[in-house]
Amino acid sequence: MAGLVPSGIDEIGLVPGSHVCAFYRGDTDRDRLLSGYLGAGLTAGDKCICVVDSANTAERLEALPGAVGEPGPYTGQLDIHLPESTYLAGGEFTTSDMLTFWTEGMVKAEVEGYSFCRLVGEMTWALRDAPGVEHLVGYESELNRVTACYPVVVLCLYDLDRFSGEVVVNIVKTHPQVLIQGILVENPYYVGPDEFLRSASPVPASPAPASPRSASA
C-alpha cells in the first residue's frame, strides 16, 4: 500500500509501518480513539486485530458497523481479544510470545486475502501484578522490528492518568511517533531497538500516583 493510511483519528494519516504511541485520558477518550481507528480500518477493508483490557470495551467495539453479526463485506474483519488470551496468556507476559501472536495474526490475514492490517493494544494490562510485565518497554522496542516487515500500522494506547511518569518516558523512547491531544508528532526521542535494548533494563509498569481528585473519587 502506497501513501498515507487514514487513521480515523482527527484526520491524521499514517505511513505504512507506523508504530504509534497514543496517549489519552480516561475511558471516553480511549473509546474515541478505538472507534475511529478501527472504524476506518473496517471501511478500508483492512484486517483489524485489537486487544482491549475489559470485556465491556470489547462489547462496545463489537457494535461497530461491520464488526460482527450478519454476513457482509466486513464479516470476520475485526478480531477482538482480551489480555488473558494474549499479553498475559498463561498468567505471565513474554515478549517472544506476544510478537509471535501479532506475526501469526498478520500472516493469517494475508492468507485470508487481506492486503493490509491495523493492530491496536490497550496497554493498561501492564499495570497488573503479573510476571513479566517489567519487560513491557523492551517488548515495545522489539515490536518495531515487526512493523518494519509487514504492511501494517500499530497503535499502542496508554492512559496518562494511570501510568507513572517514569514508564511514560521510557515508552516514548520506543515509539517513532507519538499521538497526543489530536496531534501526531515525529518523535525526536525515539531510539531504535538495537541501541535501546543495549542500554535498557527492565522497568516495572508502575501506576501513576493518585491525584487528589482521583483519590477522593
Foldseek 3Di string as FASTA:
>chain_A
DDDFQQQLFLRDTHGQLAAEEEEDADDVRVLSNVLRRVLSCLVVVAQEEEEEADVVSVVVNCPRVLNDDDDDSNHPRYHYHYCCVAQQPVQAGDLVRNLVVVVVVQVVVVVVPGQAYEYEYEPCVLQDPTHPSLCVLLSLQVVSVVSVPGRYHYYYYDYPQWFAPVVVVSNLQRGQWYHYPRDIDRRPNHDHNVVDVVPDDGGRRHTYPHDPVRVVD
